[in-house]
Amino acid sequence: MPAVDQAANRFEHHIRSMGFRDSTINDYVNRLRRYLAFCDTISPDLADAERFRDSLIDRRLSRSSINNYSFVMKNYHQMIGAPIKLPFLKMGSKLPYYFDENDIRAIFNAITNIKYLCVLQIGFYASLRASEVANLDDSDIDLINKTIRIRGGKNDKDAILYLNDICIDTLRKYLKVRPKKIIDGKQPPPILQQQE
């Protein structure tokens, strides 16, 4: 096994013990691989870390991305017994741009596929992350009580969230036309029949 793969595997075990989620671990391991490739060694020093960080700044990456790389570098150096200090960039205080009501209506009206409309409405009306929408299962949806259960959301927390009538109506329409699928040898439960 190449040295970089060994270092990446060791780092993966190191950060897994910190309790990060799989998606975060994969992201951090990929960042480490890019860092080690840049340095062309599995034993970089502070000068290598600073050069790599400067290259990220030169590429105009976002502050949060640079800070994530800095976190990875600091933890990798700590793991190999050569701790380093890198400054974290202060996050900006600009308010994000928000779509107004007309923007949202225009987006929803432009969607002609019921499945995509359903996915976007659930994400929008319940304020979900893409990963939370992707992890939803039929058993998480309660059409009678107009709720969805989020499992392992931000900070690995579960939650019950409410959906409005517009979203529930779209969900019902989609579930009526959704093709039957067998996933891992099982058919998802016929939730619409149970809850109409």
N, C-alpha and C. Protein backbone atom coordinates (compact mmCIF):
# COMPACT_ATOMS: atom_id res chain seq x y z
N MET A 1 0.85 -1.18 0.00
CA MET A 1 0.00 0.00 0.00
C MET A 1 0.89 1.24 0.00
N PRO A 2 0.64 2.17 -0.94
CA PRO A 2 1.47 3.39 -0.98
C PRO A 2 1.41 4.15 0.34
N ALA A 3 2.48 4.90 0.60
CA ALA A 3 2.60 5.63 1.87
C ALA A 3 1.45 6.62 2.07
N VAL A 4 1.00 7.29 1.00
CA VAL A 4 -0.09 8.26 1.13
C VAL A 4 -1.38 7.55 1.57
N ASP A 5 -1.63 6.36 1.01
CA ASP A 5 -2.82 5.61 1.40
C ASP A 5 -2.75 5.21 2.87
N GLN A 6 -1.57 4.79 3.31
CA GLN A 6 -1.40 4.43 4.72
C GLN A 6 -1.64 5.64 5.62
N ALA A 7 -1.07 6.79 5.23
CA ALA A 7 -1.25 8.01 6.02
C ALA A 7 -2.73 8.42 6.05
N ALA A 8 -3.41 8.31 4.91
CA ALA A 8 -4.83 8.67 4.83
C ALA A 8 -5.67 7.73 5.70
N ASN A 9 -5.37 6.43 5.67
CA ASN A 9 -6.10 5.47 6.49
C ASN A 9 -5.89 5.75 7.98
N ARG A 10 -4.65 6.04 8.34
CA ARG A 10 -4.34 6.35 9.74
C ARG A 10 -5.09 7.61 10.19
N PHE A 11 -5.09 8.62 9.31
CA PHE A 11 -5.79 9.87 9.62
C PHE A 11 -7.29 9.63 9.73
N GLU A 12 -7.83 8.80 8.86
CA GLU A 12 -9.26 8.48 8.92
C GLU A 12 -9.62 7.89 10.28
N HIS A 13 -8.81 6.94 10.76
CA HIS A 13 -9.05 6.35 12.09
C HIS A 13 -8.92 7.40 13.18
N HIS A 14 -7.95 8.28 13.02
CA HIS A 14 -7.71 9.34 14.01
C HIS A 14 -8.93 10.26 14.15
N ILE A 15 -9.47 10.73 13.02
CA ILE A 15 -10.60 11.67 13.12
C ILE A 15 -11.92 10.94 13.37
N ARG A 16 -11.99 9.67 13.00
CA ARG A 16 -13.20 8.90 13.32
C ARG A 16 -13.39 8.81 14.84
N SER A 17 -12.26 8.72 15.56
CA SER A 17 -12.34 8.64 17.02
C SER A 17 -12.84 9.94 17.64
N MET A 18 -12.86 11.02 16.85
CA MET A 18 -13.38 12.30 17.33
C MET A 18 -14.90 12.39 17.19
N GLY A 19 -15.50 11.39 16.53
CA GLY A 19 -16.95 11.35 16.44
C GLY A 19 -17.55 12.04 15.23
N PHE A 20 -16.74 12.31 14.20
CA PHE A 20 -17.28 12.95 13.00
C PHE A 20 -18.14 11.98 12.21
N ARG A 21 -19.07 12.53 11.44
CA ARG A 21 -19.91 11.73 10.56
C ARG A 21 -19.11 11.27 9.35
N ASP A 22 -19.59 10.20 8.69
CA ASP A 22 -18.87 9.62 7.55
C ASP A 22 -18.62 10.64 6.45
N SER A 23 -19.63 11.48 6.15
CA SER A 23 -19.46 12.45 5.06
C SER A 23 -18.36 13.46 5.41
N THR A 24 -18.28 13.87 6.67
CA THR A 24 -17.24 14.81 7.10
C THR A 24 -15.88 14.13 7.05
N ILE A 25 -15.82 12.88 7.49
CA ILE A 25 -14.56 12.13 7.47
C ILE A 25 -14.05 12.01 6.05
N ASN A 26 -14.94 11.65 5.13
CA ASN A 26 -14.52 11.52 3.71
C ASN A 26 -13.99 12.84 3.17
N ASP A 27 -14.66 13.93 3.51
CA ASP A 27 -14.22 15.25 3.06
C ASP A 27 -12.83 15.56 3.62
N TYR A 28 -12.63 15.33 4.92
CA TYR A 28 -11.34 15.63 5.54
C TYR A 28 -10.22 14.75 4.99
N VAL A 29 -10.50 13.49 4.73
CA VAL A 29 -9.47 12.60 4.18
C VAL A 29 -9.09 13.06 2.77
N ASN A 30 -10.08 13.47 1.97
CA ASN A 30 -9.78 13.98 0.62
C ASN A 30 -8.95 15.26 0.68
N ARG A 31 -9.25 16.12 1.65
CA ARG A 31 -8.45 17.34 1.82
C ARG A 31 -7.03 16.98 2.22
N LEU A 32 -6.88 16.00 3.09
CA LEU A 32 -5.54 15.56 3.49
C LEU A 32 -4.77 15.05 2.27
N ARG A 33 -5.40 14.26 1.45
CA ARG A 33 -4.72 13.73 0.25
C ARG A 33 -4.22 14.86 -0.64
N ARG A 34 -5.04 15.91 -0.81
CA ARG A 34 -4.61 17.05 -1.64
C ARG A 34 -3.42 17.77 -0.99
N TYR A 35 -3.48 17.89 0.32
CA TYR A 35 -2.38 18.53 1.06
C TYR A 35 -1.08 17.73 0.89
N LEU A 36 -1.14 16.43 1.10
CA LEU A 36 0.07 15.59 0.98
C LEU A 36 0.59 15.55 -0.46
N ALA A 37 -0.32 15.56 -1.44
CA ALA A 37 0.10 15.59 -2.85
C ALA A 37 0.83 16.89 -3.15
N PHE A 38 0.33 18.00 -2.62
CA PHE A 38 0.96 19.30 -2.81
C PHE A 38 2.37 19.30 -2.21
N CYS A 39 2.50 18.74 -1.01
CA CYS A 39 3.79 18.73 -0.31
C CYS A 39 4.73 17.66 -0.83
N ASP A 40 4.19 16.65 -1.51
CA ASP A 40 4.96 15.53 -2.05
C ASP A 40 5.72 14.78 -0.95
N THR A 41 5.08 14.69 0.22
CA THR A 41 5.65 13.93 1.33
C THR A 41 4.54 13.64 2.32
N ILE A 42 4.70 12.55 3.09
CA ILE A 42 3.73 12.28 4.15
C ILE A 42 4.20 12.85 5.48
N SER A 43 5.36 13.52 5.45
CA SER A 43 5.90 14.17 6.66
C SER A 43 6.17 15.65 6.40
N PRO A 44 5.14 16.41 6.07
CA PRO A 44 5.35 17.84 5.79
C PRO A 44 5.71 18.59 7.06
N ASP A 45 6.34 19.76 6.87
CA ASP A 45 6.69 20.59 8.02
C ASP A 45 5.83 21.86 8.00
N LEU A 46 6.08 22.75 8.94
CA LEU A 46 5.30 23.98 9.04
C LEU A 46 5.40 24.80 7.76
N ALA A 47 6.59 24.86 7.18
CA ALA A 47 6.76 25.64 5.94
C ALA A 47 5.89 25.07 4.82
N ASP A 48 5.80 23.74 4.73
CA ASP A 48 4.92 23.11 3.73
C ASP A 48 3.46 23.49 3.97
N ALA A 49 3.05 23.44 5.24
CA ALA A 49 1.66 23.78 5.59
C ALA A 49 1.36 25.23 5.23
N GLU A 50 2.29 26.12 5.52
CA GLU A 50 2.07 27.54 5.22
C GLU A 50 2.02 27.79 3.71
N ARG A 51 2.88 27.09 2.95
CA ARG A 51 2.87 27.23 1.49
C ARG A 51 1.54 26.74 0.92
N PHE A 52 1.07 25.59 1.44
CA PHE A 52 -0.19 25.05 0.95
C PHE A 52 -1.35 25.99 1.28
N ARG A 53 -1.36 26.50 2.50
CA ARG A 53 -2.41 27.42 2.92
C ARG A 53 -2.38 28.69 2.06
N ASP A 54 -1.19 29.21 1.78
CA ASP A 54 -1.06 30.38 0.91
C ASP A 54 -1.61 30.09 -0.49
N SER A 55 -1.38 28.86 -0.97
CA SER A 55 -1.89 28.50 -2.30
C SER A 55 -3.42 28.48 -2.32
N LEU A 56 -4.01 28.08 -1.20
CA LEU A 56 -5.48 28.08 -1.11
C LEU A 56 -6.01 29.51 -1.15
N ILE A 57 -5.32 30.40 -0.44
CA ILE A 57 -5.71 31.81 -0.43
C ILE A 57 -5.57 32.40 -1.83
N ASP A 58 -4.46 32.06 -2.51
CA ASP A 58 -4.23 32.56 -3.87
C ASP A 58 -5.31 32.07 -4.83
N ARG A 59 -5.84 30.88 -4.58
CA ARG A 59 -6.91 30.34 -5.43
C ARG A 59 -8.26 30.94 -5.08
N ARG A 60 -8.29 31.81 -4.07
CA ARG A 60 -9.50 32.50 -3.65
C ARG A 60 -10.60 31.54 -3.18
N LEU A 61 -10.20 30.50 -2.47
CA LEU A 61 -11.18 29.61 -1.88
C LEU A 61 -11.92 30.36 -0.77
N SER A 62 -13.08 29.86 -0.41
CA SER A 62 -13.84 30.51 0.65
C SER A 62 -13.10 30.38 1.98
N ARG A 63 -13.43 31.28 2.89
CA ARG A 63 -12.80 31.24 4.21
C ARG A 63 -13.10 29.94 4.92
N SER A 64 -14.32 29.45 4.80
CA SER A 64 -14.68 28.21 5.49
C SER A 64 -13.89 27.03 4.90
N SER A 65 -13.67 27.03 3.60
CA SER A 65 -12.89 25.95 2.99
C SER A 65 -11.44 25.99 3.45
N ILE A 66 -10.87 27.18 3.50
CA ILE A 66 -9.48 27.33 3.97
C ILE A 66 -9.38 26.91 5.43
N ASN A 67 -10.37 27.28 6.23
CA ASN A 67 -10.36 26.87 7.64
C ASN A 67 -10.49 25.36 7.79
N ASN A 68 -11.27 24.72 6.92
CA ASN A 68 -11.38 23.27 6.95
C ASN A 68 -10.05 22.61 6.62
N TYR A 69 -9.36 23.14 5.61
CA TYR A 69 -8.03 22.63 5.30
C TYR A 69 -7.08 22.83 6.48
N SER A 70 -7.14 23.99 7.11
CA SER A 70 -6.27 24.26 8.26
C SER A 70 -6.55 23.29 9.39
N PHE A 71 -7.82 22.98 9.62
CA PHE A 71 -8.19 22.00 10.64
C PHE A 71 -7.56 20.65 10.32
N VAL A 72 -7.67 20.24 9.06
CA VAL A 72 -7.10 18.95 8.63
C VAL A 72 -5.59 18.94 8.83
N MET A 73 -4.93 20.01 8.39
CA MET A 73 -3.47 20.06 8.52
C MET A 73 -3.04 20.00 9.98
N LYS A 74 -3.69 20.80 10.82
CA LYS A 74 -3.33 20.83 12.24
C LYS A 74 -3.52 19.46 12.89
N ASN A 75 -4.61 18.79 12.57
CA ASN A 75 -4.88 17.48 13.16
C ASN A 75 -3.95 16.40 12.60
N TYR A 76 -3.60 16.51 11.34
CA TYR A 76 -2.66 15.54 10.77
C TYR A 76 -1.28 15.71 11.43
N HIS A 77 -0.83 16.94 11.55
CA HIS A 77 0.48 17.19 12.16
C HIS A 77 0.49 16.75 13.63
N GLN A 78 -0.60 16.96 14.30
CA GLN A 78 -0.70 16.49 15.69
C GLN A 78 -0.62 14.97 15.73
N MET A 79 -1.28 14.31 14.79
CA MET A 79 -1.28 12.85 14.74
C MET A 79 0.12 12.28 14.52
N ILE A 80 0.90 12.96 13.66
CA ILE A 80 2.25 12.43 13.37
C ILE A 80 3.29 12.93 14.36
N GLY A 81 2.84 13.63 15.39
CA GLY A 81 3.75 14.06 16.45
C GLY A 81 4.56 15.31 16.13
N ALA A 82 4.07 16.12 15.19
CA ALA A 82 4.75 17.35 14.83
C ALA A 82 3.74 18.49 14.78
N PRO A 83 3.17 18.87 15.96
CA PRO A 83 2.10 19.88 15.96
C PRO A 83 2.52 21.21 15.36
N ILE A 84 1.57 21.84 14.70
CA ILE A 84 1.80 23.15 14.10
C ILE A 84 0.66 24.08 14.50
N LYS A 85 0.88 25.38 14.34
CA LYS A 85 -0.16 26.37 14.57
C LYS A 85 -0.42 27.10 13.27
N LEU A 86 -1.68 27.17 12.92
CA LEU A 86 -2.10 27.92 11.74
C LEU A 86 -3.26 28.82 12.15
N PRO A 87 -3.27 30.06 11.69
CA PRO A 87 -4.38 30.94 12.05
C PRO A 87 -5.65 30.55 11.29
N PHE A 88 -6.77 30.66 11.95
CA PHE A 88 -8.05 30.47 11.28
C PHE A 88 -8.54 31.83 10.80
N LEU A 89 -9.12 31.84 9.62
CA LEU A 89 -9.65 33.08 9.07
C LEU A 89 -10.97 33.42 9.73
N LYS A 90 -11.14 34.67 10.09
CA LYS A 90 -12.39 35.12 10.68
C LYS A 90 -13.47 35.09 9.62
N MET A 91 -14.60 34.53 9.98
CA MET A 91 -15.70 34.42 9.02
C MET A 91 -16.36 35.78 8.83
N GLY A 92 -16.79 36.07 7.62
CA GLY A 92 -17.44 37.34 7.32
C GLY A 92 -18.80 37.43 7.98
N SER A 93 -19.29 38.64 8.10
CA SER A 93 -20.58 38.83 8.74
C SER A 93 -21.64 39.28 7.74
N LYS A 94 -21.39 39.05 6.46
CA LYS A 94 -22.38 39.42 5.45
C LYS A 94 -23.59 38.52 5.56
N LEU A 95 -24.76 39.11 5.40
CA LEU A 95 -25.98 38.33 5.38
C LEU A 95 -26.07 37.60 4.05
N PRO A 96 -26.50 36.33 4.08
CA PRO A 96 -26.65 35.61 2.81
C PRO A 96 -27.81 36.16 2.01
N TYR A 97 -27.78 35.92 0.71
CA TYR A 97 -28.87 36.32 -0.16
C TYR A 97 -30.02 35.32 0.02
N TYR A 98 -31.22 35.83 0.16
CA TYR A 98 -32.38 34.97 0.29
C TYR A 98 -33.31 35.20 -0.89
N PHE A 99 -33.91 34.10 -1.37
CA PHE A 99 -34.94 34.24 -2.40
C PHE A 99 -36.17 34.86 -1.76
N ASP A 100 -36.85 35.72 -2.50
CA ASP A 100 -38.11 36.23 -1.98
C ASP A 100 -39.25 35.31 -2.44
N GLU A 101 -40.45 35.64 -2.03
CA GLU A 101 -41.60 34.78 -2.32
C GLU A 101 -41.81 34.59 -3.82
N ASN A 102 -41.60 35.64 -4.60
CA ASN A 102 -41.77 35.53 -6.05
C ASN A 102 -40.72 34.63 -6.68
N ASP A 103 -39.48 34.71 -6.16
CA ASP A 103 -38.41 33.83 -6.66
C ASP A 103 -38.78 32.37 -6.43
N ILE A 104 -39.25 32.06 -5.22
CA ILE A 104 -39.61 30.69 -4.87
C ILE A 104 -40.75 30.19 -5.75
N ARG A 105 -41.76 31.02 -5.93
CA ARG A 105 -42.89 30.63 -6.80
C ARG A 105 -42.40 30.35 -8.22
N ALA A 106 -41.52 31.21 -8.72
CA ALA A 106 -41.00 31.04 -10.09
C ALA A 106 -40.23 29.73 -10.22
N ILE A 107 -39.43 29.41 -9.21
CA ILE A 107 -38.67 28.15 -9.24
C ILE A 107 -39.63 26.96 -9.25
N PHE A 108 -40.58 26.95 -8.31
CA PHE A 108 -41.52 25.83 -8.23
C PHE A 108 -42.38 25.73 -9.49
N ASN A 109 -42.79 26.86 -10.06
CA ASN A 109 -43.62 26.83 -11.27
C ASN A 109 -42.85 26.35 -12.49
N ALA A 110 -41.54 26.48 -12.47
CA ALA A 110 -40.73 26.06 -13.62
C ALA A 110 -40.47 24.55 -13.64
N ILE A 111 -40.73 23.88 -12.54
CA ILE A 111 -40.44 22.44 -12.43
C ILE A 111 -41.62 21.66 -12.99
N THR A 112 -41.34 20.80 -13.99
CA THR A 112 -42.39 20.01 -14.61
C THR A 112 -42.40 18.56 -14.14
N ASN A 113 -41.37 18.13 -13.43
CA ASN A 113 -41.28 16.76 -12.94
C ASN A 113 -41.76 16.72 -11.49
N ILE A 114 -42.80 15.95 -11.21
CA ILE A 114 -43.40 15.93 -9.87
C ILE A 114 -42.43 15.46 -8.80
N LYS A 115 -41.55 14.53 -9.16
CA LYS A 115 -40.58 14.04 -8.18
C LYS A 115 -39.63 15.16 -7.75
N TYR A 116 -39.11 15.92 -8.71
CA TYR A 116 -38.19 17.01 -8.38
C TYR A 116 -38.89 18.12 -7.61
N LEU A 117 -40.14 18.39 -7.98
CA LEU A 117 -40.90 19.39 -7.25
C LEU A 117 -41.08 18.96 -5.80
N CYS A 118 -41.40 17.70 -5.60
CA CYS A 118 -41.60 17.16 -4.26
C CYS A 118 -40.31 17.29 -3.44
N VAL A 119 -39.19 16.90 -4.01
CA VAL A 119 -37.90 16.97 -3.31
C VAL A 119 -37.57 18.41 -2.93
N LEU A 120 -37.73 19.34 -3.88
CA LEU A 120 -37.41 20.74 -3.58
C LEU A 120 -38.37 21.34 -2.56
N GLN A 121 -39.65 21.01 -2.66
CA GLN A 121 -40.59 21.55 -1.68
C GLN A 121 -40.31 21.03 -0.28
N ILE A 122 -40.01 19.74 -0.16
CA ILE A 122 -39.69 19.20 1.17
C ILE A 122 -38.45 19.91 1.72
N GLY A 123 -37.43 20.03 0.90
CA GLY A 123 -36.22 20.72 1.35
C GLY A 123 -36.47 22.16 1.74
N PHE A 124 -37.26 22.86 0.94
CA PHE A 124 -37.52 24.27 1.20
C PHE A 124 -38.43 24.47 2.42
N TYR A 125 -39.58 23.81 2.41
CA TYR A 125 -40.56 24.06 3.47
C TYR A 125 -40.11 23.54 4.84
N ALA A 126 -39.27 22.50 4.85
CA ALA A 126 -38.79 21.97 6.13
C ALA A 126 -37.40 22.49 6.46
N SER A 127 -36.82 23.34 5.59
CA SER A 127 -35.47 23.90 5.80
C SER A 127 -34.44 22.80 6.00
N LEU A 128 -34.44 21.84 5.09
CA LEU A 128 -33.53 20.70 5.20
C LEU A 128 -32.29 20.89 4.35
N ARG A 129 -31.24 20.23 4.75
CA ARG A 129 -30.04 20.13 3.94
C ARG A 129 -30.28 19.07 2.88
N ALA A 130 -29.49 19.11 1.82
CA ALA A 130 -29.64 18.13 0.74
C ALA A 130 -29.46 16.71 1.28
N SER A 131 -28.48 16.52 2.17
CA SER A 131 -28.23 15.18 2.71
C SER A 131 -29.41 14.69 3.55
N GLU A 132 -30.10 15.60 4.23
CA GLU A 132 -31.26 15.22 5.03
C GLU A 132 -32.43 14.80 4.14
N VAL A 133 -32.61 15.50 3.02
CA VAL A 133 -33.66 15.12 2.07
C VAL A 133 -33.32 13.76 1.47
N ALA A 134 -32.06 13.56 1.11
CA ALA A 134 -31.64 12.30 0.48
C ALA A 134 -31.80 11.11 1.42
N ASN A 135 -31.72 11.33 2.73
CA ASN A 135 -31.82 10.24 3.70
C ASN A 135 -33.24 9.91 4.10
N LEU A 136 -34.23 10.66 3.60
CA LEU A 136 -35.62 10.40 3.97
C LEU A 136 -36.09 9.06 3.40
N ASP A 137 -36.93 8.39 4.18
CA ASP A 137 -37.53 7.13 3.78
C ASP A 137 -39.05 7.28 3.92
N ASP A 138 -39.79 6.41 3.27
CA ASP A 138 -41.25 6.47 3.38
C ASP A 138 -41.70 6.49 4.83
N SER A 139 -41.06 5.69 5.67
CA SER A 139 -41.50 5.58 7.07
C SER A 139 -41.25 6.88 7.85
N ASP A 140 -40.48 7.81 7.28
CA ASP A 140 -40.23 9.10 7.95
C ASP A 140 -41.34 10.11 7.70
N ILE A 141 -42.23 9.80 6.75
CA ILE A 141 -43.26 10.75 6.35
C ILE A 141 -44.59 10.38 6.99
N ASP A 142 -45.22 11.35 7.63
CA ASP A 142 -46.54 11.15 8.24
C ASP A 142 -47.49 12.18 7.60
N LEU A 143 -48.25 11.71 6.61
CA LEU A 143 -49.13 12.61 5.88
C LEU A 143 -50.32 13.07 6.73
N ILE A 144 -50.75 12.25 7.67
CA ILE A 144 -51.89 12.63 8.52
C ILE A 144 -51.52 13.78 9.44
N ASN A 145 -50.38 13.66 10.11
CA ASN A 145 -49.95 14.71 11.04
C ASN A 145 -49.09 15.78 10.37
N LYS A 146 -48.86 15.61 9.07
CA LYS A 146 -48.10 16.59 8.28
C LYS A 146 -46.70 16.82 8.85
N THR A 147 -46.01 15.71 9.14
CA THR A 147 -44.66 15.80 9.70
C THR A 147 -43.71 14.87 8.95
N ILE A 148 -42.44 15.16 9.11
CA ILE A 148 -41.39 14.25 8.65
C ILE A 148 -40.39 14.09 9.78
N ARG A 149 -39.82 12.91 9.86
CA ARG A 149 -38.79 12.62 10.86
C ARG A 149 -37.43 12.71 10.18
N ILE A 150 -36.55 13.50 10.78
CA ILE A 150 -35.18 13.61 10.29
C ILE A 150 -34.30 12.76 11.20
N ARG A 151 -33.57 11.85 10.61
CA ARG A 151 -32.68 10.98 11.39
C ARG A 151 -31.24 11.38 11.11
N GLY A 152 -30.50 11.61 12.19
CA GLY A 152 -29.08 11.95 12.04
C GLY A 152 -28.86 13.23 11.27
N GLY A 153 -29.58 14.29 11.63
CA GLY A 153 -29.39 15.59 10.98
C GLY A 153 -28.13 16.27 11.48
N LYS A 154 -28.15 17.60 11.49
CA LYS A 154 -26.98 18.35 11.94
C LYS A 154 -26.60 17.94 13.36
N ASN A 155 -25.32 17.76 13.57
CA ASN A 155 -24.80 17.29 14.86
C ASN A 155 -25.40 15.94 15.24
N ASP A 156 -25.77 15.15 14.21
CA ASP A 156 -26.29 13.80 14.39
C ASP A 156 -27.57 13.77 15.23
N LYS A 157 -28.38 14.82 15.14
CA LYS A 157 -29.61 14.90 15.93
C LYS A 157 -30.81 14.48 15.09
N ASP A 158 -31.77 13.84 15.76
CA ASP A 158 -33.05 13.52 15.14
C ASP A 158 -34.03 14.65 15.40
N ALA A 159 -35.03 14.77 14.54
CA ALA A 159 -36.02 15.83 14.72
C ALA A 159 -37.32 15.46 14.02
N ILE A 160 -38.41 16.05 14.49
CA ILE A 160 -39.71 15.97 13.82
C ILE A 160 -40.02 17.37 13.30
N LEU A 161 -40.29 17.49 12.01
CA LEU A 161 -40.55 18.78 11.40
C LEU A 161 -41.92 18.77 10.72
N TYR A 162 -42.53 19.92 10.69
CA TYR A 162 -43.86 20.05 10.10
C TYR A 162 -43.76 20.49 8.64
N LEU A 163 -44.70 19.99 7.85
CA LEU A 163 -44.81 20.38 6.44
C LEU A 163 -46.13 21.11 6.24
N ASN A 164 -46.12 22.07 5.31
CA ASN A 164 -47.37 22.80 5.06
C ASN A 164 -48.25 22.04 4.08
N ASP A 165 -49.45 22.53 3.88
CA ASP A 165 -50.43 21.85 3.03
C ASP A 165 -49.98 21.75 1.58
N ILE A 166 -49.27 22.76 1.10
CA ILE A 166 -48.78 22.73 -0.29
C ILE A 166 -47.85 21.53 -0.49
N CYS A 167 -46.93 21.37 0.44
CA CYS A 167 -45.96 20.27 0.35
C CYS A 167 -46.65 18.92 0.51
N ILE A 168 -47.58 18.82 1.44
CA ILE A 168 -48.32 17.56 1.65
C ILE A 168 -49.10 17.19 0.39
N ASP A 169 -49.73 18.19 -0.25
CA ASP A 169 -50.47 17.94 -1.48
C ASP A 169 -49.55 17.41 -2.58
N THR A 170 -48.38 18.01 -2.73
CA THR A 170 -47.41 17.55 -3.74
C THR A 170 -46.92 16.14 -3.41
N LEU A 171 -46.68 15.87 -2.14
CA LEU A 171 -46.25 14.54 -1.72
C LEU A 171 -47.30 13.49 -2.09
N ARG A 172 -48.56 13.78 -1.81
CA ARG A 172 -49.64 12.83 -2.13
C ARG A 172 -49.69 12.56 -3.64
N LYS A 173 -49.58 13.62 -4.43
CA LYS A 173 -49.61 13.46 -5.89
C LYS A 173 -48.44 12.60 -6.37
N TYR A 174 -47.26 12.85 -5.81
CA TYR A 174 -46.09 12.08 -6.22
C TYR A 174 -46.22 10.62 -5.81
N LEU A 175 -46.65 10.37 -4.58
CA LEU A 175 -46.74 8.99 -4.10
C LEU A 175 -47.77 8.17 -4.90
N LYS A 176 -48.77 8.84 -5.49
CA LYS A 176 -49.75 8.13 -6.33
C LYS A 176 -49.13 7.65 -7.63
N VAL A 177 -48.18 8.39 -8.16
CA VAL A 177 -47.60 8.04 -9.48
C VAL A 177 -46.21 7.43 -9.38
N ARG A 178 -45.66 7.41 -8.20
CA ARG A 178 -44.30 6.88 -8.04
C ARG A 178 -44.26 5.40 -8.42
N PRO A 179 -43.28 5.02 -9.25
CA PRO A 179 -43.19 3.61 -9.62
C PRO A 179 -42.78 2.76 -8.41
N LYS A 180 -43.24 1.51 -8.40
CA LYS A 180 -42.85 0.60 -7.33
C LYS A 180 -41.41 0.17 -7.57
N LYS A 181 -40.61 0.22 -6.51
CA LYS A 181 -39.19 -0.14 -6.62
C LYS A 181 -38.86 -1.15 -5.56
N ILE A 182 -37.94 -2.03 -5.90
CA ILE A 182 -37.38 -2.97 -4.94
C ILE A 182 -35.98 -2.48 -4.61
N ILE A 183 -35.73 -2.19 -3.34
CA ILE A 183 -34.44 -1.69 -2.90
C ILE A 183 -33.88 -2.65 -1.87
N ASP A 184 -32.71 -3.19 -2.14
CA ASP A 184 -32.09 -4.18 -1.26
C ASP A 184 -33.05 -5.33 -0.96
N GLY A 185 -33.78 -5.75 -1.98
CA GLY A 185 -34.69 -6.88 -1.82
C GLY A 185 -36.00 -6.56 -1.13
N LYS A 186 -36.23 -5.29 -0.79
CA LYS A 186 -37.45 -4.89 -0.09
C LYS A 186 -38.17 -3.81 -0.88
N GLN A 187 -39.46 -3.81 -0.78
CA GLN A 187 -40.24 -2.73 -1.38
C GLN A 187 -40.58 -1.73 -0.29
N PRO A 188 -40.32 -0.44 -0.51
CA PRO A 188 -40.68 0.56 0.50
C PRO A 188 -42.15 0.44 0.86
N PRO A 189 -42.52 0.74 2.10
CA PRO A 189 -43.92 0.58 2.53
C PRO A 189 -44.87 1.48 1.74
N PRO A 190 -46.07 0.99 1.48
CA PRO A 190 -47.06 1.80 0.73
C PRO A 190 -47.67 2.84 1.66
N ILE A 191 -46.90 3.86 1.95
CA ILE A 191 -47.30 4.86 2.95
C ILE A 191 -48.59 5.58 2.58
N LEU A 192 -48.80 5.80 1.29
CA LEU A 192 -49.99 6.54 0.88
C LEU A 192 -51.25 5.77 1.24
N GLN A 193 -51.23 4.44 1.03
CA GLN A 193 -52.41 3.63 1.34
C GLN A 193 -52.67 3.64 2.85
N GLN A 194 -51.62 3.69 3.67
CA GLN A 194 -51.78 3.64 5.11
C GLN A 194 -52.30 4.95 5.67
N GLN A 195 -52.04 6.07 4.99
CA GLN A 195 -52.27 7.35 5.64
C GLN A 195 -53.28 8.24 4.94
N GLU A 196 -53.87 7.80 3.87
CA GLU A 196 -54.86 8.68 3.21
C GLU A 196 -56.16 8.66 3.98
